[in-house]
C-alpha cells in the first residue's frame, strides 16, 4: 500500500487550524482546487470541476486529537482502497498540519503525489505556513 505523508509547519493558531479542518463542508476552503462540497450524513461529495467528483466516507472527527479521517469511495483516480487523515499537532516545536494518505494500488503514486502536493500548496496559503526552524 502506498503512503504519502506531508507535515506542514503553520503559524495559524491551534483552534483556528482545527476549525479549518473539522467542518466537513469547508474542506474546499483549505483545498481550494475543490469545487462545491455537499455533505449528507457521513458522506461528502467534492467537485473536481470538469475532472469529476470525489465521493467520500467521513470516518471520524476527533476534537481531542484534532484529527479527521476520511476515505474516498469513488473518484476518477481508480483507487481500489483509500484512507486519509488530517490532523493539527501542537507540541513545543510549534503547530503542524499532518496529512496522511494510504491507497491502493501503489502504481497510482505518480498520479496522486502531485495532487497531494497541490493540496499542500493550498493548505500552506490557507493556514499561513511558517518557515521551519
C-alpha atoms as a PDB file:
ATOM      1  CA  UNK A   1       0.000   0.000   0.000  1.00  0.00           C
ATOM      2  CA  UNK A   2       1.332   3.431  -0.911  1.00  0.00           C
ATOM      3  CA  UNK A   3       1.556   6.017   1.845  1.00  0.00           C
ATOM      4  CA  UNK A   4       2.122   9.735   1.398  1.00  0.00           C
ATOM      5  CA  UNK A   5       2.681  11.878   4.491  1.00  0.00           C
ATOM      6  CA  UNK A   6       3.076  15.632   4.472  1.00  0.00           C
ATOM      7  CA  UNK A   7       3.969  17.654   7.582  1.00  0.00           C
ATOM      8  CA  UNK A   8       3.458  21.393   7.247  1.00  0.00           C
ATOM      9  CA  UNK A   9       4.530  23.831   9.998  1.00  0.00           C
ATOM     10  CA  UNK A  10       1.905  26.571  10.350  1.00  0.00           C
ATOM     11  CA  UNK A  11       1.509  29.838  12.235  1.00  0.00           C
ATOM     12  CA  UNK A  12      -2.259  29.704  12.427  1.00  0.00           C
ATOM     13  CA  UNK A  13      -3.410  29.095  15.995  1.00  0.00           C
ATOM     14  CA  UNK A  14      -4.319  25.566  17.009  1.00  0.00           C
ATOM     15  CA  UNK A  15      -8.035  26.240  17.427  1.00  0.00           C
ATOM     16  CA  UNK A  16      -8.297  28.191  14.182  1.00  0.00           C
ATOM     17  CA  UNK A  17      -6.455  25.437  12.299  1.00  0.00           C
ATOM     18  CA  UNK A  18      -8.647  22.756  13.876  1.00  0.00           C
ATOM     19  CA  UNK A  19     -11.780  24.699  12.895  1.00  0.00           C
ATOM     20  CA  UNK A  20     -10.496  24.827   9.308  1.00  0.00           C
ATOM     21  CA  UNK A  21     -10.265  21.019   9.032  1.00  0.00           C
ATOM     22  CA  UNK A  22     -13.070  19.972  11.390  1.00  0.00           C
ATOM     23  CA  UNK A  23     -16.013  21.238   9.341  1.00  0.00           C
ATOM     24  CA  UNK A  24     -16.521  18.745   6.503  1.00  0.00           C
ATOM     25  CA  UNK A  25     -18.462  21.293   4.441  1.00  0.00           C
ATOM     26  CA  UNK A  26     -15.496  23.717   4.421  1.00  0.00           C
ATOM     27  CA  UNK A  27     -12.783  21.407   3.054  1.00  0.00           C
ATOM     28  CA  UNK A  28     -12.722  23.463  -0.160  1.00  0.00           C
ATOM     29  CA  UNK A  29     -11.540  26.462   1.887  1.00  0.00           C
ATOM     30  CA  UNK A  30      -8.205  24.744   2.573  1.00  0.00           C
ATOM     31  CA  UNK A  31      -8.135  22.580  -0.574  1.00  0.00           C
ATOM     32  CA  UNK A  32      -9.050  25.360  -2.959  1.00  0.00           C
ATOM     33  CA  UNK A  33      -8.797  23.188  -6.096  1.00  0.00           C
ATOM     34  CA  UNK A  34     -12.042  21.549  -4.954  1.00  0.00           C
ATOM     35  CA  UNK A  35     -15.292  22.979  -6.224  1.00  0.00           C
ATOM     36  CA  UNK A  36     -18.612  22.841  -4.386  1.00  0.00           C
ATOM     37  CA  UNK A  37     -18.892  20.423  -1.455  1.00  0.00           C
ATOM     38  CA  UNK A  38     -22.049  18.645  -0.295  1.00  0.00           C
ATOM     39  CA  UNK A  39     -22.353  16.705   2.967  1.00  0.00           C
ATOM     40  CA  UNK A  40     -25.190  14.302   3.728  1.00  0.00           C
ATOM     41  CA  UNK A  41     -24.784  12.379   6.961  1.00  0.00           C
ATOM     42  CA  UNK A  42     -21.331  10.769   6.870  1.00  0.00           C
ATOM     43  CA  UNK A  43     -20.942  11.172   3.096  1.00  0.00           C
ATOM     44  CA  UNK A  44     -19.183  14.061   1.394  1.00  0.00           C
ATOM     45  CA  UNK A  45     -19.176  14.865  -2.309  1.00  0.00           C
ATOM     46  CA  UNK A  46     -16.444  17.176  -3.605  1.00  0.00           C
ATOM     47  CA  UNK A  47     -16.448  18.519  -7.140  1.00  0.00           C
ATOM     48  CA  UNK A  48     -13.195  18.459  -9.086  1.00  0.00           C
ATOM     49  CA  UNK A  49     -14.738  20.874 -11.589  1.00  0.00           C
ATOM     50  CA  UNK A  50     -14.556  19.266 -15.048  1.00  0.00           C
ATOM     51  CA  UNK A  51     -12.440  16.323 -13.818  1.00  0.00           C
ATOM     52  CA  UNK A  52     -15.221  14.542 -11.932  1.00  0.00           C
ATOM     53  CA  UNK A  53     -16.285  14.115  -8.336  1.00  0.00           C
ATOM     54  CA  UNK A  54     -14.809  12.655  -5.176  1.00  0.00           C
ATOM     55  CA  UNK A  55     -17.298  10.686  -3.101  1.00  0.00           C
ATOM     56  CA  UNK A  56     -16.042  10.290   0.447  1.00  0.00           C
ATOM     57  CA  UNK A  57     -16.973   8.476   3.615  1.00  0.00           C
ATOM     58  CA  UNK A  58     -16.349  10.682   6.660  1.00  0.00           C
ATOM     59  CA  UNK A  59     -14.845   8.207   9.106  1.00  0.00           C
ATOM     60  CA  UNK A  60     -14.191  10.299  12.214  1.00  0.00           C
ATOM     61  CA  UNK A  61     -13.630  13.762  13.618  1.00  0.00           C
ATOM     62  CA  UNK A  62     -11.831  13.647  16.964  1.00  0.00           C
ATOM     63  CA  UNK A  63     -11.702  17.081  18.589  1.00  0.00           C
ATOM     64  CA  UNK A  64      -9.469  15.865  21.439  1.00  0.00           C
ATOM     65  CA  UNK A  65      -6.821  14.659  18.958  1.00  0.00           C
ATOM     66  CA  UNK A  66      -7.658  17.402  16.417  1.00  0.00           C
ATOM     67  CA  UNK A  67      -7.842  14.709  13.735  1.00  0.00           C
ATOM     68  CA  UNK A  68     -10.264  13.958  10.929  1.00  0.00           C
ATOM     69  CA  UNK A  69     -10.267  10.747   8.897  1.00  0.00           C
ATOM     70  CA  UNK A  70     -11.988  10.031   5.613  1.00  0.00           C
ATOM     71  CA  UNK A  71     -11.986   7.521   2.767  1.00  0.00           C
ATOM     72  CA  UNK A  72     -12.521   8.204  -0.903  1.00  0.00           C
ATOM     73  CA  UNK A  73     -15.026   5.595  -2.068  1.00  0.00           C
ATOM     74  CA  UNK A  74     -15.461   6.838  -5.637  1.00  0.00           C
ATOM     75  CA  UNK A  75     -13.242   9.055  -7.786  1.00  0.00           C
ATOM     76  CA  UNK A  76     -11.752   9.438 -11.255  1.00  0.00           C
ATOM     77  CA  UNK A  77      -8.385   8.254  -9.854  1.00  0.00           C
ATOM     78  CA  UNK A  78      -9.047   4.499  -9.843  1.00  0.00           C
ATOM     79  CA  UNK A  79      -8.430   3.711  -6.176  1.00  0.00           C
ATOM     80  CA  UNK A  80      -9.053   0.168  -5.005  1.00  0.00           C
ATOM     81  CA  UNK A  81      -8.598   1.444  -1.439  1.00  0.00           C
ATOM     82  CA  UNK A  82      -8.131   4.938   0.006  1.00  0.00           C
ATOM     83  CA  UNK A  83      -7.937   6.243   3.554  1.00  0.00           C
ATOM     84  CA  UNK A  84      -6.579   9.581   4.753  1.00  0.00           C
ATOM     85  CA  UNK A  85      -6.348  11.705   7.859  1.00  0.00           C
ATOM     86  CA  UNK A  86      -5.636  15.337   8.568  1.00  0.00           C
ATOM     87  CA  UNK A  87      -4.555  16.479  11.992  1.00  0.00           C
ATOM     88  CA  UNK A  88      -3.306  19.513  13.831  1.00  0.00           C
ATOM     89  CA  UNK A  89      -0.364  18.722  16.104  1.00  0.00           C
ATOM     90  CA  UNK A  90       0.630  21.200  18.811  1.00  0.00           C
ATOM     91  CA  UNK A  91       3.916  20.498  20.536  1.00  0.00           C
ATOM     92  CA  UNK A  92       6.846  22.515  21.931  1.00  0.00           C
ATOM     93  CA  UNK A  93       8.303  22.997  18.430  1.00  0.00           C
ATOM     94  CA  UNK A  94       5.083  24.621  17.174  1.00  0.00           C
ATOM     95  CA  UNK A  95       1.884  23.817  15.331  1.00  0.00           C
ATOM     96  CA  UNK A  96       1.999  21.358  12.430  1.00  0.00           C
ATOM     97  CA  UNK A  97      -0.614  20.215   9.935  1.00  0.00           C
ATOM     98  CA  UNK A  98      -0.149  16.484   9.169  1.00  0.00           C
ATOM     99  CA  UNK A  99      -1.836  14.875   6.166  1.00  0.00           C
ATOM    100  CA  UNK A 100      -1.503  11.097   5.780  1.00  0.00           C
ATOM    101  CA  UNK A 101      -2.889   9.268   2.752  1.00  0.00           C
ATOM    102  CA  UNK A 102      -2.859   5.495   2.217  1.00  0.00           C
ATOM    103  CA  UNK A 103      -4.081   3.982  -1.037  1.00  0.00           C
ATOM    104  CA  UNK A 104      -4.021   1.084  -3.443  1.00  0.00           C
ATOM    105  CA  UNK A 105      -2.853   0.318  -5.999  1.00  0.00           C
ATOM    106  CA  UNK A 106       0.695   1.525  -5.384  1.00  0.00           C
ATOM    107  CA  UNK A 107       1.048   2.261  -9.092  1.00  0.00           C
ATOM    108  CA  UNK A 108      -1.191   5.331  -8.652  1.00  0.00           C
ATOM    109  CA  UNK A 109       1.513   7.127  -6.654  1.00  0.00           C
ATOM    110  CA  UNK A 110       2.943   9.078  -9.648  1.00  0.00           C
ATOM    111  CA  UNK A 111      -0.545  10.431 -10.388  1.00  0.00           C
ATOM    112  CA  UNK A 112      -1.637  11.015  -6.771  1.00  0.00           C
ATOM    113  CA  UNK A 113       1.500  12.629  -5.342  1.00  0.00           C
ATOM    114  CA  UNK A 114       1.157  15.795  -7.497  1.00  0.00           C
ATOM    115  CA  UNK A 115      -2.474  16.116  -6.373  1.00  0.00           C
ATOM    116  CA  UNK A 116      -1.373  15.849  -2.728  1.00  0.00           C
ATOM    117  CA  UNK A 117       1.322  18.462  -3.368  1.00  0.00           C
ATOM    118  CA  UNK A 118      -1.247  20.759  -4.982  1.00  0.00           C
ATOM    119  CA  UNK A 119      -3.300  20.325  -1.808  1.00  0.00           C
ATOM    120  CA  UNK A 120      -0.248  21.107   0.323  1.00  0.00           C
ATOM    121  CA  UNK A 121       0.308  24.372  -1.569  1.00  0.00           C
ATOM    122  CA  UNK A 122      -3.325  25.286  -0.964  1.00  0.00           C
ATOM    123  CA  UNK A 123      -3.096  24.372   2.739  1.00  0.00           C
ATOM    124  CA  UNK A 124       0.081  26.434   3.084  1.00  0.00           C
ATOM    125  CA  UNK A 125      -1.802  29.508   1.897  1.00  0.00           C
ATOM    126  CA  UNK A 126      -4.935  28.792   3.925  1.00  0.00           C
ATOM    127  CA  UNK A 127      -3.141  28.043   7.195  1.00  0.00           C
ATOM    128  CA  UNK A 128      -0.292  30.585   6.950  1.00  0.00           C
ATOM    129  CA  UNK A 129       2.826  28.457   6.839  1.00  0.00           C
ATOM    130  CA  UNK A 130       5.899  29.409   8.847  1.00  0.00           C
ATOM    131  CA  UNK A 131       9.480  28.659   7.878  1.00  0.00           C
ATOM    132  CA  UNK A 132      10.961  25.623   9.677  1.00  0.00           C
ATOM    133  CA  UNK A 133      13.400  26.490  12.471  1.00  0.00           C
END
